[in-house]
Amino acid sequence: MMMVVLRRIENVLMAVLVTLALAMVTIEVVLRYFFPRYLTDYGLELTVYFTVWAIFIAGAPLIREGRHVRADILMHMLPPGAQRLLEILGLVVGLIFVSVLCYFGWLMVQNSIELGEKSESSLKMPLVIYYAALPVGMTLMIPPFLVRLYLLIFRYDPATMQVTEEHVARDK
């Protein structure tokens, strides 16, 4: 039940953020060509904030669904045991990478708070809002990595966990 709620929240947040980014770009284009005197200096800034947050939130669902970065074509050519081993290795490397980014991301957020950094636009948005996307996104990715590792190590089912032709075709 908790996972369903989390997935729904992630999906809604991603949809809202992408919609806001698209709206900002549309408004900027319309203003630039038809009403240039009303053009703001913060439209691009908000578009970047919305897009970056949406991208980092999207990481956890991709890992959960097995759509994270991996060499599906190569894995499809390997026998089940080698696929499992390579997938475990990829997840361990990914988990280490995400954990390092998470740690240093939180340090960056803390530093930004201490310095009181603000954007250069007229909004003067605290940059911590922008910087926080990295550690929040990486923190959200850790549990799906751990769950997938657990499943591959302790509950491996070659019938459902192998990379198949469907995976290769899906990701083309």
N, C-alpha and C. Protein backbone atom coordinates (compact mmCIF):
# COMPACT_ATOMS: atom_id res chain seq x y z
N MET A 1 0.82 -1.19 0.00
CA MET A 1 0.00 0.00 0.00
C MET A 1 0.87 1.26 0.00
N MET A 2 1.91 1.25 0.84
CA MET A 2 2.82 2.40 0.93
C MET A 2 3.51 2.65 -0.40
N MET A 3 3.89 1.56 -1.08
CA MET A 3 4.56 1.70 -2.38
C MET A 3 3.63 2.30 -3.42
N VAL A 4 2.37 1.93 -3.37
CA VAL A 4 1.39 2.46 -4.33
C VAL A 4 1.24 3.97 -4.12
N VAL A 5 1.16 4.38 -2.86
CA VAL A 5 1.03 5.80 -2.54
C VAL A 5 2.28 6.55 -2.99
N LEU A 6 3.47 5.98 -2.72
CA LEU A 6 4.72 6.61 -3.13
C LEU A 6 4.79 6.75 -4.65
N ARG A 7 4.43 5.70 -5.36
CA ARG A 7 4.44 5.76 -6.83
C ARG A 7 3.49 6.83 -7.34
N ARG A 8 2.33 6.91 -6.73
CA ARG A 8 1.35 7.91 -7.16
C ARG A 8 1.88 9.32 -6.91
N ILE A 9 2.49 9.53 -5.75
CA ILE A 9 3.06 10.85 -5.43
C ILE A 9 4.16 11.20 -6.42
N GLU A 10 5.05 10.23 -6.69
CA GLU A 10 6.12 10.47 -7.67
C GLU A 10 5.55 10.83 -9.03
N ASN A 11 4.57 10.07 -9.49
CA ASN A 11 3.98 10.33 -10.80
C ASN A 11 3.31 11.69 -10.87
N VAL A 12 2.57 12.04 -9.82
CA VAL A 12 1.90 13.34 -9.81
C VAL A 12 2.93 14.47 -9.78
N LEU A 13 3.94 14.32 -8.93
CA LEU A 13 4.98 15.35 -8.86
C LEU A 13 5.69 15.53 -10.20
N MET A 14 6.06 14.42 -10.83
CA MET A 14 6.74 14.52 -12.13
C MET A 14 5.83 15.19 -13.16
N ALA A 15 4.58 14.79 -13.20
CA ALA A 15 3.63 15.38 -14.17
C ALA A 15 3.45 16.87 -13.92
N VAL A 16 3.30 17.26 -12.66
CA VAL A 16 3.11 18.67 -12.34
C VAL A 16 4.35 19.48 -12.71
N LEU A 17 5.52 18.97 -12.36
CA LEU A 17 6.76 19.70 -12.63
C LEU A 17 7.02 19.84 -14.13
N VAL A 18 6.80 18.77 -14.88
CA VAL A 18 7.00 18.84 -16.33
C VAL A 18 5.98 19.79 -16.96
N THR A 19 4.75 19.74 -16.48
CA THR A 19 3.71 20.65 -16.99
C THR A 19 4.07 22.10 -16.69
N LEU A 20 4.56 22.36 -15.49
CA LEU A 20 4.98 23.72 -15.14
C LEU A 20 6.15 24.19 -16.01
N ALA A 21 7.10 23.31 -16.25
CA ALA A 21 8.23 23.66 -17.11
C ALA A 21 7.76 23.98 -18.52
N LEU A 22 6.88 23.14 -19.05
CA LEU A 22 6.33 23.38 -20.39
C LEU A 22 5.53 24.68 -20.43
N ALA A 23 4.76 24.95 -19.40
CA ALA A 23 3.99 26.19 -19.33
C ALA A 23 4.92 27.41 -19.31
N MET A 24 6.00 27.30 -18.53
CA MET A 24 6.94 28.42 -18.46
C MET A 24 7.59 28.68 -19.81
N VAL A 25 7.98 27.63 -20.51
CA VAL A 25 8.59 27.80 -21.83
C VAL A 25 7.59 28.42 -22.79
N THR A 26 6.35 27.96 -22.76
CA THR A 26 5.31 28.49 -23.64
C THR A 26 5.07 29.97 -23.36
N ILE A 27 4.96 30.31 -22.09
CA ILE A 27 4.75 31.71 -21.70
C ILE A 27 5.93 32.57 -22.17
N GLU A 28 7.13 32.07 -21.97
CA GLU A 28 8.33 32.80 -22.40
C GLU A 28 8.32 33.06 -23.90
N VAL A 29 7.97 32.06 -24.69
CA VAL A 29 7.94 32.21 -26.15
C VAL A 29 6.88 33.23 -26.56
N VAL A 30 5.70 33.09 -26.00
CA VAL A 30 4.61 34.03 -26.34
C VAL A 30 5.00 35.46 -25.96
N LEU A 31 5.52 35.62 -24.76
CA LEU A 31 5.93 36.96 -24.33
C LEU A 31 7.05 37.52 -25.19
N ARG A 32 8.02 36.68 -25.51
CA ARG A 32 9.18 37.14 -26.28
C ARG A 32 8.75 37.70 -27.65
N TYR A 33 7.79 37.04 -28.29
CA TYR A 33 7.41 37.45 -29.63
C TYR A 33 6.25 38.44 -29.70
N PHE A 34 5.37 38.43 -28.71
CA PHE A 34 4.19 39.28 -28.81
C PHE A 34 4.14 40.39 -27.75
N PHE A 35 4.70 40.14 -26.59
CA PHE A 35 4.65 41.13 -25.51
C PHE A 35 6.01 41.23 -24.82
N PRO A 36 7.05 41.61 -25.54
CA PRO A 36 8.41 41.56 -24.98
C PRO A 36 8.61 42.40 -23.73
N ARG A 37 7.84 43.46 -23.56
CA ARG A 37 8.04 44.30 -22.37
C ARG A 37 7.63 43.59 -21.08
N TYR A 38 6.83 42.52 -21.20
CA TYR A 38 6.39 41.77 -20.01
C TYR A 38 7.27 40.55 -19.73
N LEU A 39 8.30 40.37 -20.52
CA LEU A 39 9.20 39.24 -20.34
C LEU A 39 9.95 39.38 -19.01
N THR A 40 9.99 38.31 -18.25
CA THR A 40 10.67 38.34 -16.95
C THR A 40 12.09 37.81 -17.08
N ASP A 41 12.86 38.02 -16.06
CA ASP A 41 14.22 37.49 -16.06
C ASP A 41 14.31 36.15 -15.32
N TYR A 42 13.19 35.61 -14.90
CA TYR A 42 13.23 34.37 -14.12
C TYR A 42 12.52 33.19 -14.78
N GLY A 43 12.00 33.35 -15.96
CA GLY A 43 11.30 32.25 -16.64
C GLY A 43 12.19 31.04 -16.88
N LEU A 44 13.38 31.30 -17.39
CA LEU A 44 14.33 30.20 -17.64
C LEU A 44 14.74 29.54 -16.33
N GLU A 45 14.95 30.35 -15.32
CA GLU A 45 15.34 29.82 -14.00
C GLU A 45 14.29 28.84 -13.48
N LEU A 46 13.03 29.23 -13.52
CA LEU A 46 11.96 28.35 -13.05
C LEU A 46 11.84 27.09 -13.91
N THR A 47 12.02 27.25 -15.21
CA THR A 47 11.97 26.10 -16.11
C THR A 47 13.06 25.09 -15.74
N VAL A 48 14.24 25.58 -15.47
CA VAL A 48 15.35 24.69 -15.08
C VAL A 48 15.04 24.02 -13.74
N TYR A 49 14.54 24.76 -12.77
CA TYR A 49 14.19 24.18 -11.47
C TYR A 49 13.18 23.06 -11.63
N PHE A 50 12.10 23.33 -12.36
CA PHE A 50 11.05 22.33 -12.55
C PHE A 50 11.59 21.09 -13.26
N THR A 51 12.38 21.30 -14.29
CA THR A 51 12.91 20.18 -15.08
C THR A 51 13.88 19.34 -14.27
N VAL A 52 14.78 19.98 -13.56
CA VAL A 52 15.77 19.25 -12.75
C VAL A 52 15.08 18.42 -11.67
N TRP A 53 14.10 19.01 -11.00
CA TRP A 53 13.39 18.27 -9.97
C TRP A 53 12.65 17.07 -10.57
N ALA A 54 12.01 17.26 -11.71
CA ALA A 54 11.28 16.15 -12.36
C ALA A 54 12.24 15.03 -12.74
N ILE A 55 13.40 15.38 -13.26
CA ILE A 55 14.38 14.37 -13.67
C ILE A 55 14.87 13.57 -12.48
N PHE A 56 15.21 14.25 -11.39
CA PHE A 56 15.72 13.52 -10.23
C PHE A 56 14.65 12.69 -9.54
N ILE A 57 13.42 13.13 -9.55
CA ILE A 57 12.34 12.32 -8.98
C ILE A 57 12.10 11.07 -9.84
N ALA A 58 12.35 11.17 -11.14
CA ALA A 58 12.11 10.05 -12.06
C ALA A 58 13.09 8.89 -11.86
N GLY A 59 14.18 9.12 -11.18
CA GLY A 59 15.18 8.06 -11.01
C GLY A 59 14.68 6.85 -10.25
N ALA A 60 13.98 7.06 -9.16
CA ALA A 60 13.50 5.95 -8.33
C ALA A 60 12.54 5.03 -9.08
N PRO A 61 11.52 5.57 -9.78
CA PRO A 61 10.64 4.66 -10.53
C PRO A 61 11.38 3.87 -11.61
N LEU A 62 12.38 4.49 -12.23
CA LEU A 62 13.13 3.78 -13.27
C LEU A 62 13.88 2.59 -12.69
N ILE A 63 14.45 2.76 -11.53
CA ILE A 63 15.17 1.65 -10.88
C ILE A 63 14.17 0.58 -10.46
N ARG A 64 13.07 1.00 -9.85
CA ARG A 64 12.04 0.08 -9.38
C ARG A 64 11.52 -0.79 -10.53
N GLU A 65 11.38 -0.20 -11.72
CA GLU A 65 10.83 -0.92 -12.87
C GLU A 65 11.90 -1.62 -13.70
N GLY A 66 13.16 -1.53 -13.28
CA GLY A 66 14.23 -2.18 -14.02
C GLY A 66 14.56 -1.47 -15.33
N ARG A 67 14.30 -0.18 -15.40
CA ARG A 67 14.55 0.59 -16.62
C ARG A 67 15.72 1.54 -16.46
N HIS A 68 16.52 1.33 -15.41
CA HIS A 68 17.69 2.16 -15.21
C HIS A 68 18.74 1.84 -16.26
N VAL A 69 19.82 2.59 -16.26
CA VAL A 69 20.85 2.44 -17.28
C VAL A 69 21.54 1.09 -17.12
N ARG A 70 21.49 0.32 -18.18
CA ARG A 70 22.22 -0.95 -18.23
C ARG A 70 22.31 -1.38 -19.70
N ALA A 71 23.17 -2.32 -19.95
CA ALA A 71 23.40 -2.78 -21.32
C ALA A 71 22.49 -3.96 -21.62
N ASP A 72 21.20 -3.68 -21.89
CA ASP A 72 20.22 -4.74 -22.12
C ASP A 72 20.60 -5.65 -23.28
N ILE A 73 21.11 -5.09 -24.35
CA ILE A 73 21.45 -5.91 -25.52
C ILE A 73 22.55 -6.91 -25.16
N LEU A 74 23.57 -6.46 -24.44
CA LEU A 74 24.64 -7.36 -24.00
C LEU A 74 24.09 -8.40 -23.02
N MET A 75 23.29 -7.95 -22.06
CA MET A 75 22.76 -8.87 -21.06
C MET A 75 21.85 -9.93 -21.68
N HIS A 76 21.13 -9.55 -22.71
CA HIS A 76 20.23 -10.49 -23.39
C HIS A 76 21.01 -11.65 -24.01
N MET A 77 22.24 -11.41 -24.37
CA MET A 77 23.07 -12.45 -25.00
C MET A 77 23.70 -13.40 -23.99
N LEU A 78 23.65 -13.04 -22.71
CA LEU A 78 24.30 -13.85 -21.68
C LEU A 78 23.34 -14.88 -21.10
N PRO A 79 23.88 -15.97 -20.55
CA PRO A 79 23.03 -16.95 -19.87
C PRO A 79 22.47 -16.35 -18.57
N PRO A 80 21.40 -16.95 -18.04
CA PRO A 80 20.74 -16.40 -16.84
C PRO A 80 21.68 -16.11 -15.66
N GLY A 81 22.59 -17.02 -15.38
CA GLY A 81 23.50 -16.82 -14.25
C GLY A 81 24.39 -15.60 -14.44
N ALA A 82 24.90 -15.43 -15.65
CA ALA A 82 25.76 -14.27 -15.93
C ALA A 82 24.94 -12.98 -15.91
N GLN A 83 23.71 -13.06 -16.39
CA GLN A 83 22.83 -11.89 -16.34
C GLN A 83 22.62 -11.45 -14.90
N ARG A 84 22.34 -12.44 -14.06
CA ARG A 84 22.10 -12.15 -12.64
C ARG A 84 23.33 -11.50 -12.00
N LEU A 85 24.48 -12.08 -12.26
CA LEU A 85 25.73 -11.56 -11.69
C LEU A 85 26.01 -10.13 -12.19
N LEU A 86 25.83 -9.91 -13.48
CA LEU A 86 26.07 -8.59 -14.05
C LEU A 86 25.06 -7.57 -13.51
N GLU A 87 23.81 -7.99 -13.35
CA GLU A 87 22.78 -7.09 -12.80
C GLU A 87 23.11 -6.74 -11.35
N ILE A 88 23.53 -7.71 -10.56
CA ILE A 88 23.92 -7.45 -9.17
C ILE A 88 25.09 -6.49 -9.12
N LEU A 89 26.10 -6.72 -9.96
CA LEU A 89 27.26 -5.84 -10.01
C LEU A 89 26.83 -4.42 -10.40
N GLY A 90 25.97 -4.29 -11.40
CA GLY A 90 25.48 -2.98 -11.82
C GLY A 90 24.71 -2.27 -10.73
N LEU A 91 23.90 -3.02 -10.00
CA LEU A 91 23.13 -2.42 -8.90
C LEU A 91 24.04 -1.98 -7.75
N VAL A 92 25.07 -2.77 -7.45
CA VAL A 92 26.00 -2.40 -6.39
C VAL A 92 26.75 -1.12 -6.77
N VAL A 93 27.25 -1.08 -8.01
CA VAL A 93 27.95 0.13 -8.49
C VAL A 93 26.99 1.33 -8.47
N GLY A 94 25.77 1.12 -8.95
CA GLY A 94 24.77 2.19 -8.95
C GLY A 94 24.46 2.67 -7.55
N LEU A 95 24.32 1.75 -6.62
CA LEU A 95 24.03 2.10 -5.23
C LEU A 95 25.17 2.90 -4.62
N ILE A 96 26.40 2.50 -4.89
CA ILE A 96 27.56 3.26 -4.38
C ILE A 96 27.57 4.66 -4.99
N PHE A 97 27.36 4.74 -6.29
CA PHE A 97 27.35 6.03 -6.99
C PHE A 97 26.28 6.96 -6.43
N VAL A 98 25.07 6.43 -6.29
CA VAL A 98 23.95 7.22 -5.77
C VAL A 98 24.21 7.64 -4.32
N SER A 99 24.79 6.76 -3.53
CA SER A 99 25.08 7.09 -2.13
C SER A 99 26.11 8.20 -2.01
N VAL A 100 27.13 8.15 -2.86
CA VAL A 100 28.15 9.21 -2.86
C VAL A 100 27.52 10.54 -3.27
N LEU A 101 26.73 10.52 -4.35
CA LEU A 101 26.05 11.75 -4.78
C LEU A 101 25.10 12.26 -3.71
N CYS A 102 24.43 11.36 -3.03
CA CYS A 102 23.52 11.73 -1.96
C CYS A 102 24.28 12.43 -0.83
N TYR A 103 25.37 11.84 -0.40
CA TYR A 103 26.16 12.41 0.69
C TYR A 103 26.68 13.80 0.33
N PHE A 104 27.33 13.91 -0.82
CA PHE A 104 27.89 15.20 -1.20
C PHE A 104 26.80 16.20 -1.57
N GLY A 105 25.67 15.71 -2.04
CA GLY A 105 24.55 16.60 -2.32
C GLY A 105 24.02 17.24 -1.05
N TRP A 106 23.90 16.44 0.02
CA TRP A 106 23.44 17.01 1.28
C TRP A 106 24.46 18.00 1.83
N LEU A 107 25.75 17.74 1.63
CA LEU A 107 26.78 18.71 2.04
C LEU A 107 26.62 20.02 1.26
N MET A 108 26.33 19.90 -0.03
CA MET A 108 26.14 21.07 -0.88
C MET A 108 24.92 21.88 -0.41
N VAL A 109 23.85 21.17 -0.05
CA VAL A 109 22.65 21.84 0.45
C VAL A 109 22.96 22.57 1.76
N GLN A 110 23.65 21.89 2.65
CA GLN A 110 24.01 22.49 3.93
C GLN A 110 24.88 23.73 3.71
N ASN A 111 25.83 23.64 2.80
CA ASN A 111 26.70 24.77 2.48
C ASN A 111 25.89 25.94 1.92
N SER A 112 24.95 25.63 1.05
CA SER A 112 24.11 26.68 0.45
C SER A 112 23.26 27.38 1.51
N ILE A 113 22.76 26.62 2.46
CA ILE A 113 21.97 27.21 3.55
C ILE A 113 22.85 28.13 4.39
N GLU A 114 24.05 27.65 4.72
CA GLU A 114 24.96 28.45 5.54
C GLU A 114 25.37 29.74 4.85
N LEU A 115 25.57 29.67 3.53
CA LEU A 115 25.98 30.85 2.77
C LEU A 115 24.80 31.75 2.40
N GLY A 116 23.59 31.22 2.50
CA GLY A 116 22.41 32.00 2.14
C GLY A 116 22.38 32.35 0.66
N GLU A 117 22.83 31.42 -0.18
CA GLU A 117 22.90 31.69 -1.63
C GLU A 117 21.51 31.92 -2.22
N LYS A 118 21.44 32.92 -3.10
CA LYS A 118 20.20 33.25 -3.79
C LYS A 118 20.49 33.35 -5.28
N SER A 119 19.43 33.15 -6.08
CA SER A 119 19.60 33.25 -7.52
C SER A 119 19.83 34.70 -7.93
N GLU A 120 20.32 34.90 -9.14
CA GLU A 120 20.62 36.25 -9.62
C GLU A 120 19.41 36.94 -10.24
N SER A 121 18.33 36.21 -10.45
CA SER A 121 17.13 36.82 -11.05
C SER A 121 16.43 37.69 -10.02
N SER A 122 15.40 38.37 -10.48
CA SER A 122 14.65 39.24 -9.57
C SER A 122 13.87 38.45 -8.52
N LEU A 123 13.70 37.15 -8.72
CA LEU A 123 13.04 36.32 -7.70
C LEU A 123 13.89 36.13 -6.46
N LYS A 124 15.21 36.13 -6.65
CA LYS A 124 16.14 35.90 -5.54
C LYS A 124 15.80 34.62 -4.79
N MET A 125 15.50 33.56 -5.57
CA MET A 125 15.13 32.27 -4.97
C MET A 125 16.34 31.70 -4.23
N PRO A 126 16.12 31.12 -3.06
CA PRO A 126 17.22 30.44 -2.38
C PRO A 126 17.71 29.27 -3.25
N LEU A 127 19.00 29.23 -3.53
CA LEU A 127 19.54 28.17 -4.39
C LEU A 127 19.45 26.80 -3.76
N VAL A 128 19.18 26.75 -2.45
CA VAL A 128 19.02 25.47 -1.79
C VAL A 128 17.86 24.69 -2.42
N ILE A 129 16.86 25.39 -2.93
CA ILE A 129 15.73 24.72 -3.60
C ILE A 129 16.22 23.97 -4.82
N TYR A 130 17.11 24.57 -5.57
CA TYR A 130 17.68 23.95 -6.76
C TYR A 130 18.64 22.83 -6.37
N TYR A 131 19.54 23.12 -5.44
CA TYR A 131 20.55 22.14 -5.04
C TYR A 131 19.93 20.91 -4.39
N ALA A 132 18.82 21.07 -3.69
CA ALA A 132 18.21 19.96 -2.96
C ALA A 132 17.68 18.87 -3.88
N ALA A 133 17.46 19.18 -5.15
CA ALA A 133 16.96 18.17 -6.08
C ALA A 133 17.90 16.96 -6.15
N LEU A 134 19.20 17.22 -6.14
CA LEU A 134 20.18 16.13 -6.24
C LEU A 134 20.10 15.18 -5.04
N PRO A 135 20.29 15.65 -3.81
CA PRO A 135 20.25 14.68 -2.70
C PRO A 135 18.87 14.07 -2.47
N VAL A 136 17.80 14.82 -2.72
CA VAL A 136 16.46 14.25 -2.56
C VAL A 136 16.26 13.13 -3.58
N GLY A 137 16.61 13.41 -4.83
CA GLY A 137 16.48 12.38 -5.88
C GLY A 137 17.32 11.16 -5.59
N MET A 138 18.56 11.37 -5.14
CA MET A 138 19.44 10.24 -4.84
C MET A 138 18.93 9.47 -3.63
N THR A 139 18.40 10.16 -2.63
CA THR A 139 17.84 9.49 -1.46
C THR A 139 16.65 8.62 -1.85
N LEU A 140 15.82 9.13 -2.75
CA LEU A 140 14.67 8.35 -3.22
C LEU A 140 15.10 7.11 -4.00
N MET A 141 16.30 7.14 -4.60
CA MET A 141 16.77 6.01 -5.41
C MET A 141 17.37 4.88 -4.58
N ILE A 142 17.80 5.16 -3.37
CA ILE A 142 18.46 4.14 -2.56
C ILE A 142 17.54 2.96 -2.23
N PRO A 143 16.32 3.17 -1.73
CA PRO A 143 15.47 2.01 -1.42
C PRO A 143 15.18 1.10 -2.63
N PRO A 144 14.86 1.64 -3.82
CA PRO A 144 14.65 0.73 -4.95
C PRO A 144 15.90 -0.08 -5.32
N PHE A 145 17.08 0.53 -5.18
CA PHE A 145 18.32 -0.21 -5.42
C PHE A 145 18.42 -1.37 -4.44
N LEU A 146 18.17 -1.09 -3.15
CA LEU A 146 18.27 -2.13 -2.13
C LEU A 146 17.24 -3.24 -2.34
N VAL A 147 16.02 -2.87 -2.70
CA VAL A 147 14.97 -3.87 -2.95
C VAL A 147 15.36 -4.76 -4.13
N ARG A 148 15.82 -4.15 -5.22
CA ARG A 148 16.22 -4.95 -6.40
C ARG A 148 17.40 -5.87 -6.07
N LEU A 149 18.34 -5.36 -5.30
CA LEU A 149 19.47 -6.20 -4.88
C LEU A 149 18.98 -7.38 -4.04
N TYR A 150 18.13 -7.11 -3.09
CA TYR A 150 17.58 -8.17 -2.24
C TYR A 150 16.88 -9.23 -3.12
N LEU A 151 16.04 -8.78 -4.03
CA LEU A 151 15.31 -9.72 -4.89
C LEU A 151 16.25 -10.55 -5.75
N LEU A 152 17.27 -9.92 -6.31
CA LEU A 152 18.21 -10.66 -7.16
C LEU A 152 19.07 -11.64 -6.37
N ILE A 153 19.40 -11.30 -5.14
CA ILE A 153 20.27 -12.17 -4.34
C ILE A 153 19.47 -13.27 -3.65
N PHE A 154 18.34 -12.94 -3.06
CA PHE A 154 17.62 -13.90 -2.23
C PHE A 154 16.34 -14.46 -2.83
N ARG A 155 15.79 -13.82 -3.82
CA ARG A 155 14.51 -14.27 -4.39
C ARG A 155 14.57 -14.33 -5.90
N TYR A 156 15.70 -14.74 -6.42
CA TYR A 156 15.90 -14.75 -7.88
C TYR A 156 14.96 -15.72 -8.58
N ASP A 157 14.29 -15.23 -9.59
CA ASP A 157 13.40 -16.03 -10.43
C ASP A 157 13.77 -15.78 -11.89
N PRO A 158 14.48 -16.72 -12.52
CA PRO A 158 14.93 -16.49 -13.90
C PRO A 158 13.78 -16.23 -14.87
N ALA A 159 12.62 -16.75 -14.57
CA ALA A 159 11.48 -16.58 -15.49
C ALA A 159 11.02 -15.12 -15.55
N THR A 160 11.17 -14.39 -14.46
CA THR A 160 10.69 -13.00 -14.45
C THR A 160 11.80 -11.97 -14.33
N MET A 161 13.02 -12.39 -14.01
CA MET A 161 14.08 -11.42 -13.77
C MET A 161 15.15 -11.41 -14.85
N GLN A 162 15.01 -12.20 -15.86
CA GLN A 162 15.97 -12.20 -16.95
C GLN A 162 15.69 -11.06 -17.92
N VAL A 163 16.74 -10.57 -18.56
CA VAL A 163 16.58 -9.58 -19.62
C VAL A 163 16.17 -10.36 -20.87
N THR A 164 15.02 -10.01 -21.41
CA THR A 164 14.47 -10.72 -22.56
C THR A 164 14.45 -9.81 -23.78
N GLU A 165 14.02 -10.37 -24.88
CA GLU A 165 13.86 -9.61 -26.12
C GLU A 165 12.93 -8.42 -25.90
N GLU A 166 11.94 -8.59 -25.05
CA GLU A 166 10.99 -7.52 -24.74
C GLU A 166 11.69 -6.30 -24.12
N HIS A 167 12.64 -6.55 -23.22
CA HIS A 167 13.39 -5.46 -22.62
C HIS A 167 14.19 -4.71 -23.66
N VAL A 168 14.85 -5.46 -24.53
CA VAL A 168 15.68 -4.86 -25.56
C VAL A 168 14.82 -4.02 -26.50
N ALA A 169 13.68 -4.55 -26.92
CA ALA A 169 12.79 -3.84 -27.84
C ALA A 169 12.17 -2.62 -27.16
N ARG A 170 11.80 -2.75 -25.89
CA ARG A 170 11.16 -1.67 -25.14
C ARG A 170 12.06 -0.45 -25.04
N ASP A 171 13.35 -0.68 -24.89
CA ASP A 171 14.26 0.42 -24.62
C ASP A 171 14.95 0.95 -25.86
N LYS A 172 14.51 0.54 -27.03
CA LYS A 172 15.14 1.06 -28.26
C LYS A 172 14.71 2.47 -28.53
